[in-house]
PDB file of N, CA and C in Angstrom:
ATOM      1  N   MET A   1     289.519  79.707  49.505  1.00  0.00           N
ATOM      2  CA  MET A   1     288.225  79.124  49.684  1.00  0.00           C
ATOM      3  C   MET A   1     288.145  78.655  51.125  1.00  0.00           C
ATOM      4  N   HIS A   2     287.060  78.991  51.800  1.00  0.00           N
ATOM      5  CA  HIS A   2     286.838  78.581  53.185  1.00  0.00           C
ATOM      6  C   HIS A   2     285.684  77.588  53.250  1.00  0.00           C
ATOM      7  N   ILE A   3     285.862  76.529  53.998  1.00  0.00           N
ATOM      8  CA  ILE A   3     284.793  75.571  54.247  1.00  0.00           C
ATOM      9  C   ILE A   3     284.591  75.543  55.755  1.00  0.00           C
ATOM     10  N   ARG A   4     283.385  75.866  56.206  1.00  0.00           N
ATOM     11  CA  ARG A   4     283.117  75.935  57.640  1.00  0.00           C
ATOM     12  C   ARG A   4     282.138  74.851  58.056  1.00  0.00           C
ATOM     13  N   SER A   5     282.414  74.263  59.200  1.00  0.00           N
ATOM     14  CA  SER A   5     281.521  73.247  59.745  1.00  0.00           C
ATOM     15  C   SER A   5     281.604  73.260  61.267  1.00  0.00           C
ATOM     16  N   ARG A   6     280.503  73.506  61.888  1.00  0.00           N
ATOM     17  CA  ARG A   6     280.419  73.450  63.353  1.00  0.00           C
ATOM     18  C   ARG A   6     281.528  74.216  64.068  1.00  0.00           C
ATOM     19  N   GLY A   7     281.789  75.418  63.629  1.00  0.00           N
ATOM     20  CA  GLY A   7     282.771  76.251  64.297  1.00  0.00           C
ATOM     21  C   GLY A   7     284.209  76.054  63.861  1.00  0.00           C
ATOM     22  N   THR A   8     284.484  75.076  63.017  1.00  0.00           N
ATOM     23  CA  THR A   8     285.846  74.894  62.518  1.00  0.00           C
ATOM     24  C   THR A   8     285.907  75.367  61.072  1.00  0.00           C
ATOM     25  N   THR A   9     287.075  75.795  60.645  1.00  0.00           N
ATOM     26  CA  THR A   9     287.260  76.299  59.289  1.00  0.00           C
ATOM     27  C   THR A   9     288.404  75.558  58.616  1.00  0.00           C
ATOM     28  N   THR A  10     288.176  75.125  57.390  1.00  0.00           N
ATOM     29  CA  THR A  10     289.222  74.554  56.560  1.00  0.00           C
ATOM     30  C   THR A  10     289.486  75.533  55.431  1.00  0.00           C
ATOM     31  N   VAL A  11     290.726  75.915  55.229  1.00  0.00           N
ATOM     32  CA  VAL A  11     291.081  76.862  54.180  1.00  0.00           C
ATOM     33  C   VAL A  11     291.813  76.112  53.072  1.00  0.00           C
ATOM     34  N   LEU A  12     291.280  76.205  51.876  1.00  0.00           N
ATOM     35  CA  LEU A  12     291.946  75.648  50.696  1.00  0.00           C
ATOM     36  C   LEU A  12     292.589  76.819  49.965  1.00  0.00           C
ATOM     37  N   ASP A  13     293.924  76.804  49.854  1.00  0.00           N
ATOM     38  CA  ASP A  13     294.629  77.915  49.221  1.00  0.00           C
ATOM     39  C   ASP A  13     295.837  77.396  48.436  1.00  0.00           C
ATOM     40  N   ALA A  14     296.753  78.282  48.122  1.00  0.00           N
ATOM     41  CA  ALA A  14     297.916  77.917  47.301  1.00  0.00           C
ATOM     42  C   ALA A  14     298.754  76.813  47.931  1.00  0.00           C
ATOM     43  N   THR A  15     298.803  76.737  49.258  1.00  0.00           N
ATOM     44  CA  THR A  15     299.584  75.676  49.897  1.00  0.00           C
ATOM     45  C   THR A  15     298.975  74.308  49.629  1.00  0.00           C
ATOM     46  N   GLY A  16     297.667  74.273  49.340  1.00  0.00           N
ATOM     47  CA  GLY A  16     296.997  73.026  49.002  1.00  0.00           C
ATOM     48  C   GLY A  16     296.907  72.780  47.509  1.00  0.00           C
ATOM     49  N   GLY A  17     297.494  73.684  46.706  1.00  0.00           N
ATOM     50  CA  GLY A  17     297.521  73.485  45.270  1.00  0.00           C
ATOM     51  C   GLY A  17     296.580  74.361  44.465  1.00  0.00           C
ATOM     52  N   LEU A  18     295.798  75.233  45.116  1.00  0.00           N
ATOM     53  CA  LEU A  18     294.887  76.093  44.351  1.00  0.00           C
ATOM     54  C   LEU A  18     295.617  77.304  43.794  1.00  0.00           C
ATOM     55  N   GLN A  19     295.373  77.617  42.520  1.00  0.00           N
ATOM     56  CA  GLN A  19     295.940  78.791  41.867  1.00  0.00           C
ATOM     57  C   GLN A  19     294.856  79.485  41.055  1.00  0.00           C
ATOM     58  N   ASN A  20     293.909  80.066  41.573  1.00  0.00           N
ATOM     59  CA  ASN A  20     292.778  80.685  40.898  1.00  0.00           C
ATOM     60  C   ASN A  20     291.634  79.698  40.743  1.00  0.00           C
ATOM     61  N   PRO A  21     291.023  79.289  41.825  1.00  0.00           N
ATOM     62  CA  PRO A  21     289.881  78.375  41.696  1.00  0.00           C
ATOM     63  C   PRO A  21     288.787  79.013  40.851  1.00  0.00           C
ATOM     64  N   THR A  22     288.254  78.244  39.922  1.00  0.00           N
ATOM     65  CA  THR A  22     287.278  78.798  38.979  1.00  0.00           C
ATOM     66  C   THR A  22     285.882  78.237  39.163  1.00  0.00           C
ATOM     67  N   SER A  23     285.748  77.085  39.810  1.00  0.00           N
ATOM     68  CA  SER A  23     284.411  76.535  40.006  1.00  0.00           C
ATOM     69  C   SER A  23     284.410  75.505  41.124  1.00  0.00           C
ATOM     70  N   VAL A  24     283.217  75.287  41.650  1.00  0.00           N
ATOM     71  CA  VAL A  24     283.003  74.299  42.712  1.00  0.00           C
ATOM     72  C   VAL A  24     281.784  73.481  42.320  1.00  0.00           C
ATOM     73  N   ALA A  25     281.849  72.176  42.502  1.00  0.00           N
ATOM     74  CA  ALA A  25     280.711  71.301  42.207  1.00  0.00           C
ATOM     75  C   ALA A  25     280.516  70.335  43.372  1.00  0.00           C
ATOM     76  N   LEU A  26     279.280  69.988  43.629  1.00  0.00           N
ATOM     77  CA  LEU A  26     278.930  69.008  44.654  1.00  0.00           C
ATOM     78  C   LEU A  26     278.290  67.801  43.995  1.00  0.00           C
ATOM     79  N   ARG A  27     278.671  66.616  44.464  1.00  0.00           N
ATOM     80  CA  ARG A  27     278.017  65.390  44.005  1.00  0.00           C
ATOM     81  C   ARG A  27     278.009  64.428  45.176  1.00  0.00           C
ATOM     82  N   GLY A  28     276.828  64.199  45.716  1.00  0.00           N
ATOM     83  CA  GLY A  28     276.728  63.364  46.905  1.00  0.00           C
ATOM     84  C   GLY A  28     277.510  64.004  48.038  1.00  0.00           C
ATOM     85  N   LYS A  29     278.474  63.283  48.592  1.00  0.00           N
ATOM     86  CA  LYS A  29     279.300  63.804  49.677  1.00  0.00           C
ATOM     87  C   LYS A  29     280.634  64.360  49.184  1.00  0.00           C
ATOM     88  N   ASP A  30     280.820  64.435  47.871  1.00  0.00           N
ATOM     89  CA  ASP A  30     282.073  64.921  47.306  1.00  0.00           C
ATOM     90  C   ASP A  30     281.953  66.371  46.861  1.00  0.00           C
ATOM     91  N   VAL A  31     282.983  67.159  47.176  1.00  0.00           N
ATOM     92  CA  VAL A  31     283.102  68.543  46.723  1.00  0.00           C
ATOM     93  C   VAL A  31     284.292  68.588  45.771  1.00  0.00           C
ATOM     94  N   TYR A  32     284.084  69.091  44.574  1.00  0.00           N
ATOM     95  CA  TYR A  32     285.151  69.210  43.571  1.00  0.00           C
ATOM     96  C   TYR A  32     285.465  70.682  43.365  1.00  0.00           C
ATOM     97  N   VAL A  33     286.745  71.031  43.391  1.00  0.00           N
ATOM     98  CA  VAL A  33     287.181  72.409  43.164  1.00  0.00           C
ATOM     99  C   VAL A  33     288.158  72.398  41.997  1.00  0.00           C
ATOM    100  N   LEU A  34     287.804  73.114  40.930  1.00  0.00           N
ATOM    101  CA  LEU A  34     288.668  73.224  39.763  1.00  0.00           C
ATOM    102  C   LEU A  34     289.573  74.432  39.937  1.00  0.00           C
ATOM    103  N   SER A  35     290.861  74.204  39.835  1.00  0.00           N
ATOM    104  CA  SER A  35     291.855  75.266  39.889  1.00  0.00           C
ATOM    105  C   SER A  35     292.494  75.351  38.504  1.00  0.00           C
ATOM    106  N   ALA A  36     291.992  76.257  37.678  1.00  0.00           N
ATOM    107  CA  ALA A  36     292.399  76.309  36.281  1.00  0.00           C
ATOM    108  C   ALA A  36     293.761  76.939  36.055  1.00  0.00           C
ATOM    109  N   ALA A  37     294.304  77.658  37.031  1.00  0.00           N
ATOM    110  CA  ALA A  37     295.624  78.295  36.928  1.00  0.00           C
ATOM    111  C   ALA A  37     295.692  79.261  35.747  1.00  0.00           C
ATOM    112  N   TYR A  38     294.627  80.043  35.534  1.00  0.00           N
ATOM    113  CA  TYR A  38     294.601  80.980  34.406  1.00  0.00           C
ATOM    114  C   TYR A  38     295.700  82.029  34.477  1.00  0.00           C
ATOM    115  N   THR A  39     295.915  82.629  35.645  1.00  0.00           N
ATOM    116  CA  THR A  39     296.900  83.715  35.715  1.00  0.00           C
ATOM    117  C   THR A  39     298.331  83.201  35.793  1.00  0.00           C
ATOM    118  N   THR A  40     298.541  82.026  36.369  1.00  0.00           N
ATOM    119  CA  THR A  40     299.900  81.498  36.468  1.00  0.00           C
ATOM    120  C   THR A  40     300.286  80.704  35.230  1.00  0.00           C
ATOM    121  N   GLY A  41     299.298  80.110  34.564  1.00  0.00           N
ATOM    122  CA  GLY A  41     299.562  79.363  33.346  1.00  0.00           C
ATOM    123  C   GLY A  41     300.243  78.019  33.549  1.00  0.00           C
ATOM    124  N   SER A  42     300.269  77.538  34.786  1.00  0.00           N
ATOM    125  CA  SER A  42     300.922  76.246  35.008  1.00  0.00           C
ATOM    126  C   SER A  42     300.192  75.425  36.055  1.00  0.00           C
ATOM    127  N   ASP A  43     300.239  74.132  35.877  1.00  0.00           N
ATOM    128  CA  ASP A  43     299.787  73.156  36.864  1.00  0.00           C
ATOM    129  C   ASP A  43     298.319  73.271  37.294  1.00  0.00           C
ATOM    130  N   PRO A  44     297.358  73.230  36.366  1.00  0.00           N
ATOM    131  CA  PRO A  44     295.953  73.208  36.772  1.00  0.00           C
ATOM    132  C   PRO A  44     295.645  71.935  37.544  1.00  0.00           C
ATOM    133  N   LYS A  45     294.658  72.013  38.445  1.00  0.00           N
ATOM    134  CA  LYS A  45     294.327  70.873  39.294  1.00  0.00           C
ATOM    135  C   LYS A  45     292.820  70.728  39.462  1.00  0.00           C
ATOM    136  N   LEU A  46     292.415  69.535  39.826  1.00  0.00           N
ATOM    137  CA  LEU A  46     291.054  69.266  40.265  1.00  0.00           C
ATOM    138  C   LEU A  46     291.180  68.637  41.644  1.00  0.00           C
ATOM    139  N   LEU A  47     290.686  69.340  42.668  1.00  0.00           N
ATOM    140  CA  LEU A  47     290.754  68.847  44.038  1.00  0.00           C
ATOM    141  C   LEU A  47     289.408  68.257  44.436  1.00  0.00           C
ATOM    142  N   ARG A  48     289.436  67.176  45.207  1.00  0.00           N
ATOM    143  CA  ARG A  48     288.203  66.565  45.699  1.00  0.00           C
ATOM    144  C   ARG A  48     288.287  66.435  47.209  1.00  0.00           C
ATOM    145  N   ALA A  49     287.217  66.825  47.873  1.00  0.00           N
ATOM    146  CA  ALA A  49     287.111  66.671  49.321  1.00  0.00           C
ATOM    147  C   ALA A  49     285.843  65.885  49.603  1.00  0.00           C
ATOM    148  N   ARG A  50     285.869  65.050  50.613  1.00  0.00           N
ATOM    149  CA  ARG A  50     284.695  64.275  50.988  1.00  0.00           C
ATOM    150  C   ARG A  50     284.091  64.862  52.250  1.00  0.00           C
ATOM    151  N   LEU A  51     282.783  65.154  52.199  1.00  0.00           N
ATOM    152  CA  LEU A  51     282.073  65.673  53.365  1.00  0.00           C
ATOM    153  C   LEU A  51     281.709  64.521  54.287  1.00  0.00           C
ATOM    154  N   ARG A  52     281.877  64.763  55.581  1.00  0.00           N
ATOM    155  CA  ARG A  52     281.498  63.758  56.571  1.00  0.00           C
ATOM    156  C   ARG A  52     280.177  64.154  57.215  1.00  0.00           C
ATOM    157  N   THR A  53     279.417  63.191  57.641  1.00  0.00           N
ATOM    158  CA  THR A  53     278.150  63.443  58.312  1.00  0.00           C
ATOM    159  C   THR A  53     278.403  63.607  59.796  1.00  0.00           C
ATOM    160  N   HIS A  54     277.878  64.715  60.359  1.00  0.00           N
ATOM    161  CA  HIS A  54     277.984  64.948  61.796  1.00  0.00           C
ATOM    162  C   HIS A  54     276.675  64.585  62.452  1.00  0.00           C
ATOM    163  N   ARG A  55     276.767  63.985  63.619  1.00  0.00           N
ATOM    164  CA  ARG A  55     275.550  63.610  64.359  1.00  0.00           C
ATOM    165  C   ARG A  55     275.461  64.360  65.641  1.00  0.00           C
TER     166      ARG A  55
END
């Protein structure tokens, strides 16, 4: 999963704990990514990132 902002890119991948991300949700400034781990069958996660306001 790539998140881009003003020319910079943040990559969320297996090194950050994702193993088959299945959904993304936004609520206010929070981004939630569900990693259900369907193919690996172990260690599902819910990751949360907070968006910052740029001026």
